[in-house]
Amino acid sequence: MSTIVDALAQQFHLSPAQVEGAAGSLFKFAQQHAEGTAFQQLIAAAPQIAEWLNKAPDSGHAGGGLLGGLLGGLAGESGAAGAAALVATLEKSGLNAQTIAQFVPALLQQLSKHVDPALLNQVIASVPALKTLTEGGAAGGLGGVLGGLLGGQ
């Protein structure tokens, strides 16, 4: 699956280490919040994810800082709050909000070429923050999440 890393590194002008760290952060968040056994099935189907998990930057507290901690505490209750916490975590890999908005769907699309898309969708559906970032959700996707946090500015 290094083709996924290479493709995303080229598409987003990132180093392979940044891609692996961001992917690891995303999947570590999913691992912590996924319901059922779908995530473990995903790792079995795509062992590279386990390697990415090990390359995720240390997230410290839920997203770093007071705001990240507060948002992380709400992650299970609100897709938008969880998405904001996930964005804060992904920023530790050196990605900005604009890149994250494009990177997350691109990563999941690339991964769906290598694993059963139904399994991947099951994981996404069980993690409200991922669903918010990939489908837009009621909050309008990442733009809605960030707009809500910044007061629409």
N, C-alpha and C. Protein backbone atom coordinates (compact mmCIF):
# COMPACT_ATOMS: atom_id res chain seq x y z
N MET A 1 0.80 -1.19 0.00
CA MET A 1 0.00 0.00 0.00
C MET A 1 0.85 1.26 0.00
N SER A 2 2.13 1.10 -0.25
CA SER A 2 2.96 2.29 -0.36
C SER A 2 2.51 3.14 -1.53
N THR A 3 1.76 2.53 -2.46
CA THR A 3 1.23 3.32 -3.57
C THR A 3 0.26 4.38 -3.06
N ILE A 4 -0.47 4.09 -1.98
CA ILE A 4 -1.36 5.08 -1.39
C ILE A 4 -0.55 6.25 -0.87
N VAL A 5 0.50 5.96 -0.12
CA VAL A 5 1.35 7.01 0.44
C VAL A 5 1.98 7.83 -0.68
N ASP A 6 2.51 7.15 -1.69
CA ASP A 6 3.15 7.85 -2.80
C ASP A 6 2.16 8.75 -3.54
N ALA A 7 0.97 8.22 -3.81
CA ALA A 7 -0.04 8.99 -4.54
C ALA A 7 -0.46 10.23 -3.75
N LEU A 8 -0.68 10.07 -2.46
CA LEU A 8 -1.11 11.21 -1.64
C LEU A 8 0.02 12.21 -1.43
N ALA A 9 1.24 11.72 -1.29
CA ALA A 9 2.39 12.62 -1.14
C ALA A 9 2.52 13.50 -2.38
N GLN A 10 2.36 12.88 -3.55
CA GLN A 10 2.46 13.64 -4.79
C GLN A 10 1.28 14.60 -4.94
N GLN A 11 0.08 14.12 -4.68
CA GLN A 11 -1.13 14.94 -4.85
C GLN A 11 -1.12 16.18 -3.95
N PHE A 12 -0.66 16.01 -2.71
CA PHE A 12 -0.73 17.11 -1.74
C PHE A 12 0.61 17.77 -1.45
N HIS A 13 1.65 17.39 -2.21
CA HIS A 13 2.99 17.97 -2.03
C HIS A 13 3.46 17.82 -0.58
N LEU A 14 3.32 16.59 -0.08
CA LEU A 14 3.74 16.25 1.27
C LEU A 14 4.85 15.21 1.21
N SER A 15 5.59 15.08 2.28
CA SER A 15 6.57 14.00 2.35
C SER A 15 5.83 12.70 2.69
N PRO A 16 6.39 11.56 2.31
CA PRO A 16 5.76 10.29 2.71
C PRO A 16 5.58 10.19 4.22
N ALA A 17 6.53 10.74 4.99
CA ALA A 17 6.41 10.70 6.45
C ALA A 17 5.19 11.50 6.93
N GLN A 18 4.92 12.64 6.28
CA GLN A 18 3.74 13.43 6.65
C GLN A 18 2.46 12.66 6.33
N VAL A 19 2.43 12.02 5.17
CA VAL A 19 1.25 11.25 4.78
C VAL A 19 1.02 10.12 5.77
N GLU A 20 2.08 9.39 6.09
CA GLU A 20 1.95 8.27 7.03
C GLU A 20 1.54 8.76 8.41
N GLY A 21 2.09 9.88 8.85
CA GLY A 21 1.72 10.42 10.15
C GLY A 21 0.27 10.87 10.19
N ALA A 22 -0.16 11.55 9.12
CA ALA A 22 -1.56 12.00 9.06
C ALA A 22 -2.50 10.81 8.97
N ALA A 23 -2.15 9.83 8.14
CA ALA A 23 -2.99 8.62 8.03
C ALA A 23 -3.04 7.91 9.38
N GLY A 24 -1.91 7.84 10.06
CA GLY A 24 -1.87 7.21 11.37
C GLY A 24 -2.74 7.95 12.37
N SER A 25 -2.70 9.27 12.34
CA SER A 25 -3.54 10.07 13.24
C SER A 25 -5.02 9.84 12.97
N LEU A 26 -5.36 9.81 11.69
CA LEU A 26 -6.76 9.59 11.30
C LEU A 26 -7.24 8.23 11.79
N PHE A 27 -6.45 7.20 11.54
CA PHE A 27 -6.88 5.86 11.92
C PHE A 27 -6.77 5.61 13.43
N LYS A 28 -5.86 6.31 14.10
CA LYS A 28 -5.81 6.20 15.56
C LYS A 28 -7.09 6.78 16.16
N PHE A 29 -7.52 7.91 15.61
CA PHE A 29 -8.77 8.51 16.05
C PHE A 29 -9.93 7.56 15.79
N ALA A 30 -9.95 6.97 14.60
CA ALA A 30 -11.01 6.01 14.26
C ALA A 30 -10.98 4.81 15.20
N GLN A 31 -9.79 4.32 15.49
CA GLN A 31 -9.65 3.17 16.38
C GLN A 31 -10.23 3.48 17.76
N GLN A 32 -10.01 4.68 18.24
CA GLN A 32 -10.48 5.08 19.56
C GLN A 32 -11.99 5.28 19.61
N HIS A 33 -12.61 5.61 18.47
CA HIS A 33 -14.02 5.97 18.47
C HIS A 33 -14.92 5.01 17.71
N ALA A 34 -14.35 4.07 16.97
CA ALA A 34 -15.18 3.15 16.18
C ALA A 34 -15.94 2.20 17.09
N GLU A 35 -17.13 1.87 16.65
CA GLU A 35 -17.96 0.92 17.38
C GLU A 35 -17.89 -0.43 16.68
N GLY A 36 -18.07 -1.49 17.44
CA GLY A 36 -18.09 -2.83 16.86
C GLY A 36 -16.71 -3.31 16.47
N THR A 37 -16.68 -4.28 15.58
CA THR A 37 -15.43 -4.93 15.19
C THR A 37 -14.92 -4.50 13.82
N ALA A 38 -15.60 -3.57 13.18
CA ALA A 38 -15.24 -3.18 11.82
C ALA A 38 -13.80 -2.68 11.73
N PHE A 39 -13.34 -1.91 12.73
CA PHE A 39 -11.99 -1.37 12.65
C PHE A 39 -10.95 -2.48 12.67
N GLN A 40 -11.14 -3.47 13.53
CA GLN A 40 -10.19 -4.59 13.59
C GLN A 40 -10.21 -5.37 12.28
N GLN A 41 -11.37 -5.49 11.66
CA GLN A 41 -11.46 -6.15 10.36
C GLN A 41 -10.72 -5.34 9.30
N LEU A 42 -10.81 -4.01 9.40
CA LEU A 42 -10.11 -3.15 8.45
C LEU A 42 -8.60 -3.32 8.58
N ILE A 43 -8.09 -3.37 9.80
CA ILE A 43 -6.65 -3.58 10.00
C ILE A 43 -6.23 -4.95 9.46
N ALA A 44 -7.06 -5.96 9.65
CA ALA A 44 -6.74 -7.29 9.11
C ALA A 44 -6.70 -7.25 7.59
N ALA A 45 -7.57 -6.47 6.98
CA ALA A 45 -7.62 -6.38 5.52
C ALA A 45 -6.52 -5.48 4.96
N ALA A 46 -6.07 -4.53 5.77
CA ALA A 46 -5.05 -3.58 5.33
C ALA A 46 -4.01 -3.41 6.44
N PRO A 47 -3.08 -4.36 6.55
CA PRO A 47 -2.08 -4.31 7.63
C PRO A 47 -1.25 -3.02 7.65
N GLN A 48 -1.17 -2.34 6.52
CA GLN A 48 -0.42 -1.08 6.47
C GLN A 48 -0.97 -0.07 7.47
N ILE A 49 -2.27 -0.16 7.77
CA ILE A 49 -2.87 0.77 8.72
C ILE A 49 -2.19 0.65 10.08
N ALA A 50 -1.85 -0.57 10.49
CA ALA A 50 -1.17 -0.76 11.77
C ALA A 50 0.18 -0.04 11.78
N GLU A 51 0.88 -0.06 10.65
CA GLU A 51 2.15 0.66 10.55
C GLU A 51 1.92 2.17 10.63
N TRP A 52 0.85 2.64 9.97
CA TRP A 52 0.54 4.07 10.03
C TRP A 52 0.21 4.49 11.45
N LEU A 53 -0.50 3.64 12.19
CA LEU A 53 -0.84 3.96 13.58
C LEU A 53 0.42 4.24 14.39
N ASN A 54 1.47 3.47 14.13
CA ASN A 54 2.73 3.65 14.85
C ASN A 54 3.47 4.91 14.45
N LYS A 55 3.11 5.49 13.31
CA LYS A 55 3.80 6.69 12.81
C LYS A 55 3.03 7.97 13.11
N ALA A 56 1.88 7.83 13.78
CA ALA A 56 1.10 9.02 14.13
C ALA A 56 1.85 9.84 15.16
N PRO A 57 1.85 11.17 14.99
CA PRO A 57 2.47 12.01 16.02
C PRO A 57 1.76 11.82 17.35
N ASP A 58 2.48 12.01 18.42
CA ASP A 58 1.86 11.91 19.74
C ASP A 58 0.78 12.97 19.84
N SER A 59 -0.44 12.52 20.08
CA SER A 59 -1.56 13.46 20.12
C SER A 59 -1.72 14.14 21.46
N GLY A 60 -0.99 13.72 22.45
CA GLY A 60 -1.12 14.33 23.77
C GLY A 60 -2.54 14.21 24.26
N HIS A 61 -3.17 15.29 24.53
CA HIS A 61 -4.57 15.29 24.91
C HIS A 61 -5.39 15.40 23.64
N ALA A 62 -6.64 15.02 23.70
CA ALA A 62 -7.56 14.83 22.57
C ALA A 62 -7.25 15.65 21.33
N GLY A 63 -6.77 16.83 21.39
CA GLY A 63 -6.44 17.59 20.21
C GLY A 63 -5.42 18.64 20.55
N GLY A 64 -4.93 18.61 21.76
CA GLY A 64 -3.96 19.59 22.17
C GLY A 64 -4.65 20.85 22.68
N GLY A 65 -4.18 21.38 23.75
CA GLY A 65 -4.71 22.61 24.28
C GLY A 65 -6.09 22.45 24.91
N LEU A 66 -6.56 23.53 25.49
CA LEU A 66 -7.85 23.52 26.16
C LEU A 66 -8.98 23.25 25.19
N LEU A 67 -9.00 23.96 24.06
CA LEU A 67 -10.07 23.76 23.09
C LEU A 67 -10.09 22.34 22.57
N GLY A 68 -8.92 21.81 22.21
CA GLY A 68 -8.86 20.44 21.72
C GLY A 68 -9.34 19.45 22.76
N GLY A 69 -8.97 19.67 24.03
CA GLY A 69 -9.41 18.79 25.10
C GLY A 69 -10.91 18.83 25.28
N LEU A 70 -11.47 20.04 25.23
CA LEU A 70 -12.92 20.16 25.36
C LEU A 70 -13.63 19.51 24.19
N LEU A 71 -13.12 19.75 22.98
CA LEU A 71 -13.75 19.16 21.80
C LEU A 71 -13.60 17.65 21.80
N GLY A 72 -12.45 17.17 22.22
CA GLY A 72 -12.24 15.73 22.28
C GLY A 72 -13.20 15.06 23.24
N GLY A 73 -13.52 15.74 24.34
CA GLY A 73 -14.47 15.20 25.30
C GLY A 73 -15.86 15.09 24.74
N LEU A 74 -16.17 15.91 23.75
CA LEU A 74 -17.49 15.89 23.12
C LEU A 74 -17.54 14.98 21.90
N ALA A 75 -16.43 14.40 21.52
CA ALA A 75 -16.34 13.65 20.27
C ALA A 75 -17.39 12.58 20.13
N GLY A 76 -17.72 11.90 21.21
CA GLY A 76 -18.71 10.84 21.12
C GLY A 76 -20.12 11.37 20.97
N GLU A 77 -20.34 12.64 21.34
CA GLU A 77 -21.67 13.20 21.32
C GLU A 77 -21.97 13.94 20.03
N SER A 78 -20.99 14.48 19.39
CA SER A 78 -21.23 15.33 18.23
C SER A 78 -20.20 15.07 17.15
N GLY A 79 -20.68 14.81 15.95
CA GLY A 79 -19.77 14.63 14.83
C GLY A 79 -18.95 15.86 14.57
N ALA A 80 -19.56 17.05 14.72
CA ALA A 80 -18.84 18.30 14.47
C ALA A 80 -17.73 18.51 15.49
N ALA A 81 -18.02 18.27 16.76
CA ALA A 81 -17.00 18.44 17.79
C ALA A 81 -15.88 17.42 17.61
N GLY A 82 -16.25 16.20 17.29
CA GLY A 82 -15.24 15.17 17.04
C GLY A 82 -14.40 15.50 15.83
N ALA A 83 -15.04 16.04 14.79
CA ALA A 83 -14.31 16.43 13.58
C ALA A 83 -13.31 17.52 13.90
N ALA A 84 -13.70 18.48 14.73
CA ALA A 84 -12.78 19.54 15.11
C ALA A 84 -11.59 18.98 15.89
N ALA A 85 -11.85 18.02 16.77
CA ALA A 85 -10.76 17.38 17.51
C ALA A 85 -9.85 16.60 16.56
N LEU A 86 -10.45 15.94 15.57
CA LEU A 86 -9.66 15.20 14.59
C LEU A 86 -8.81 16.15 13.76
N VAL A 87 -9.37 17.28 13.36
CA VAL A 87 -8.61 18.28 12.61
C VAL A 87 -7.41 18.74 13.42
N ALA A 88 -7.62 19.01 14.71
CA ALA A 88 -6.51 19.45 15.57
C ALA A 88 -5.43 18.39 15.63
N THR A 89 -5.83 17.12 15.67
CA THR A 89 -4.86 16.02 15.69
C THR A 89 -4.10 15.94 14.38
N LEU A 90 -4.81 16.07 13.25
CA LEU A 90 -4.17 15.99 11.94
C LEU A 90 -3.22 17.16 11.71
N GLU A 91 -3.51 18.31 12.28
CA GLU A 91 -2.62 19.45 12.13
C GLU A 91 -1.24 19.17 12.71
N LYS A 92 -1.16 18.26 13.67
CA LYS A 92 0.14 17.90 14.26
C LYS A 92 1.03 17.16 13.26
N SER A 93 0.44 16.69 12.17
CA SER A 93 1.22 16.05 11.11
C SER A 93 1.72 17.07 10.10
N GLY A 94 1.41 18.34 10.33
CA GLY A 94 1.87 19.39 9.44
C GLY A 94 0.88 19.76 8.34
N LEU A 95 -0.35 19.28 8.43
CA LEU A 95 -1.37 19.61 7.44
C LEU A 95 -2.18 20.80 7.95
N ASN A 96 -2.55 21.70 7.03
CA ASN A 96 -3.44 22.79 7.42
C ASN A 96 -4.88 22.38 7.16
N ALA A 97 -5.82 23.18 7.61
CA ALA A 97 -7.24 22.83 7.51
C ALA A 97 -7.68 22.62 6.07
N GLN A 98 -7.18 23.44 5.16
CA GLN A 98 -7.57 23.30 3.75
C GLN A 98 -7.08 21.97 3.19
N THR A 99 -5.86 21.59 3.50
CA THR A 99 -5.32 20.31 3.04
C THR A 99 -6.07 19.15 3.68
N ILE A 100 -6.38 19.27 4.96
CA ILE A 100 -7.11 18.20 5.65
C ILE A 100 -8.45 17.95 5.00
N ALA A 101 -9.14 19.02 4.61
CA ALA A 101 -10.47 18.89 3.99
C ALA A 101 -10.41 18.06 2.72
N GLN A 102 -9.28 18.10 2.02
CA GLN A 102 -9.12 17.32 0.79
C GLN A 102 -8.42 15.99 1.05
N PHE A 103 -7.52 15.98 2.03
CA PHE A 103 -6.72 14.79 2.30
C PHE A 103 -7.55 13.62 2.83
N VAL A 104 -8.43 13.89 3.78
CA VAL A 104 -9.20 12.81 4.41
C VAL A 104 -10.01 12.04 3.37
N PRO A 105 -10.83 12.72 2.54
CA PRO A 105 -11.58 11.95 1.53
C PRO A 105 -10.66 11.25 0.51
N ALA A 106 -9.54 11.90 0.16
CA ALA A 106 -8.62 11.29 -0.81
C ALA A 106 -7.98 10.03 -0.23
N LEU A 107 -7.58 10.08 1.03
CA LEU A 107 -7.01 8.90 1.69
C LEU A 107 -8.01 7.76 1.71
N LEU A 108 -9.23 8.05 2.11
CA LEU A 108 -10.24 7.01 2.19
C LEU A 108 -10.59 6.45 0.81
N GLN A 109 -10.58 7.32 -0.20
CA GLN A 109 -10.85 6.86 -1.56
C GLN A 109 -9.72 5.94 -2.04
N GLN A 110 -8.48 6.32 -1.78
CA GLN A 110 -7.35 5.48 -2.16
C GLN A 110 -7.41 4.13 -1.44
N LEU A 111 -7.73 4.16 -0.15
CA LEU A 111 -7.80 2.93 0.63
C LEU A 111 -8.91 2.02 0.12
N SER A 112 -10.01 2.61 -0.35
CA SER A 112 -11.13 1.80 -0.83
C SER A 112 -10.79 1.01 -2.09
N LYS A 113 -9.68 1.35 -2.74
CA LYS A 113 -9.21 0.58 -3.90
C LYS A 113 -8.52 -0.71 -3.46
N HIS A 114 -8.16 -0.80 -2.17
CA HIS A 114 -7.39 -1.93 -1.66
C HIS A 114 -8.14 -2.80 -0.67
N VAL A 115 -9.25 -2.30 -0.16
CA VAL A 115 -10.07 -3.07 0.79
C VAL A 115 -11.52 -2.99 0.34
N ASP A 116 -12.35 -3.83 0.92
CA ASP A 116 -13.77 -3.82 0.61
C ASP A 116 -14.36 -2.45 0.99
N PRO A 117 -14.88 -1.70 0.01
CA PRO A 117 -15.44 -0.38 0.32
C PRO A 117 -16.57 -0.44 1.36
N ALA A 118 -17.31 -1.55 1.40
CA ALA A 118 -18.38 -1.68 2.39
C ALA A 118 -17.81 -1.71 3.80
N LEU A 119 -16.67 -2.37 3.98
CA LEU A 119 -16.02 -2.42 5.29
C LEU A 119 -15.54 -1.02 5.69
N LEU A 120 -14.92 -0.33 4.75
CA LEU A 120 -14.45 1.02 5.02
C LEU A 120 -15.63 1.93 5.37
N ASN A 121 -16.73 1.81 4.64
CA ASN A 121 -17.92 2.61 4.93
C ASN A 121 -18.50 2.29 6.30
N GLN A 122 -18.39 1.04 6.70
CA GLN A 122 -18.87 0.64 8.03
C GLN A 122 -18.06 1.33 9.12
N VAL A 123 -16.75 1.41 8.93
CA VAL A 123 -15.90 2.11 9.90
C VAL A 123 -16.25 3.60 9.92
N ILE A 124 -16.37 4.20 8.75
CA ILE A 124 -16.71 5.63 8.66
C ILE A 124 -18.04 5.91 9.35
N ALA A 125 -19.02 5.06 9.10
CA ALA A 125 -20.35 5.26 9.68
C ALA A 125 -20.33 5.14 11.20
N SER A 126 -19.39 4.38 11.75
CA SER A 126 -19.35 4.19 13.21
C SER A 126 -18.58 5.30 13.93
N VAL A 127 -17.96 6.20 13.17
CA VAL A 127 -17.20 7.30 13.77
C VAL A 127 -17.81 8.62 13.27
N PRO A 128 -18.67 9.25 14.07
CA PRO A 128 -19.35 10.46 13.61
C PRO A 128 -18.42 11.53 13.05
N ALA A 129 -17.24 11.70 13.62
CA ALA A 129 -16.32 12.72 13.13
C ALA A 129 -15.86 12.42 11.71
N LEU A 130 -15.58 11.16 11.40
CA LEU A 130 -15.19 10.79 10.03
C LEU A 130 -16.34 11.02 9.08
N LYS A 131 -17.52 10.66 9.51
CA LYS A 131 -18.70 10.85 8.66
C LYS A 131 -18.89 12.33 8.37
N THR A 132 -18.69 13.17 9.38
CA THR A 132 -18.83 14.62 9.20
C THR A 132 -17.80 15.14 8.20
N LEU A 133 -16.56 14.68 8.31
CA LEU A 133 -15.52 15.17 7.41
C LEU A 133 -15.67 14.66 5.99
N THR A 134 -16.19 13.45 5.82
CA THR A 134 -16.26 12.87 4.48
C THR A 134 -17.55 13.16 3.75
N GLU A 135 -18.64 13.25 4.48
CA GLU A 135 -19.93 13.42 3.83
C GLU A 135 -20.51 14.81 4.00
N GLY A 136 -19.88 15.62 4.79
CA GLY A 136 -20.43 16.94 5.01
C GLY A 136 -21.34 17.00 6.21
N GLY A 137 -22.16 15.99 6.40
CA GLY A 137 -23.06 15.96 7.54
C GLY A 137 -23.89 17.22 7.65
N ALA A 138 -24.57 17.38 8.74
CA ALA A 138 -25.42 18.54 8.94
C ALA A 138 -24.61 19.82 9.09
N ALA A 139 -23.36 19.70 9.48
CA ALA A 139 -22.54 20.88 9.72
C ALA A 139 -21.86 21.39 8.45
N GLY A 140 -22.06 20.74 7.31
CA GLY A 140 -21.44 21.19 6.08
C GLY A 140 -19.99 20.78 5.94
N GLY A 141 -19.62 19.66 6.50
CA GLY A 141 -18.26 19.16 6.37
C GLY A 141 -17.28 19.97 7.18
N LEU A 142 -16.02 19.89 6.79
CA LEU A 142 -14.96 20.58 7.52
C LEU A 142 -15.19 22.08 7.52
N GLY A 143 -15.64 22.63 6.40
CA GLY A 143 -15.90 24.07 6.35
C GLY A 143 -16.93 24.48 7.38
N GLY A 144 -17.96 23.69 7.54
CA GLY A 144 -18.98 23.98 8.55
C GLY A 144 -18.43 23.87 9.95
N VAL A 145 -17.59 22.87 10.18
CA VAL A 145 -16.98 22.70 11.50
C VAL A 145 -16.13 23.90 11.83
N LEU A 146 -15.24 24.27 10.92
CA LEU A 146 -14.34 25.39 11.18
C LEU A 146 -15.10 26.70 11.25
N GLY A 147 -16.09 26.88 10.38
CA GLY A 147 -16.90 28.09 10.42
C GLY A 147 -17.64 28.23 11.73
N GLY A 148 -18.16 27.13 12.22
CA GLY A 148 -18.86 27.15 13.50
C GLY A 148 -17.93 27.51 14.64
N LEU A 149 -16.72 26.97 14.61
CA LEU A 149 -15.75 27.27 15.67
C LEU A 149 -15.27 28.71 15.62
N LEU A 150 -15.17 29.24 14.41
CA LEU A 150 -14.65 30.59 14.24
C LEU A 150 -15.76 31.63 14.16
N GLY A 151 -16.98 31.24 14.42
CA GLY A 151 -18.09 32.19 14.39
C GLY A 151 -18.46 32.61 12.99
N GLY A 152 -18.21 31.76 12.01
CA GLY A 152 -18.59 32.06 10.63
C GLY A 152 -17.68 33.06 9.95
N GLN A 153 -16.54 33.37 10.54
CA GLN A 153 -15.64 34.37 9.96
C GLN A 153 -14.67 33.74 9.01
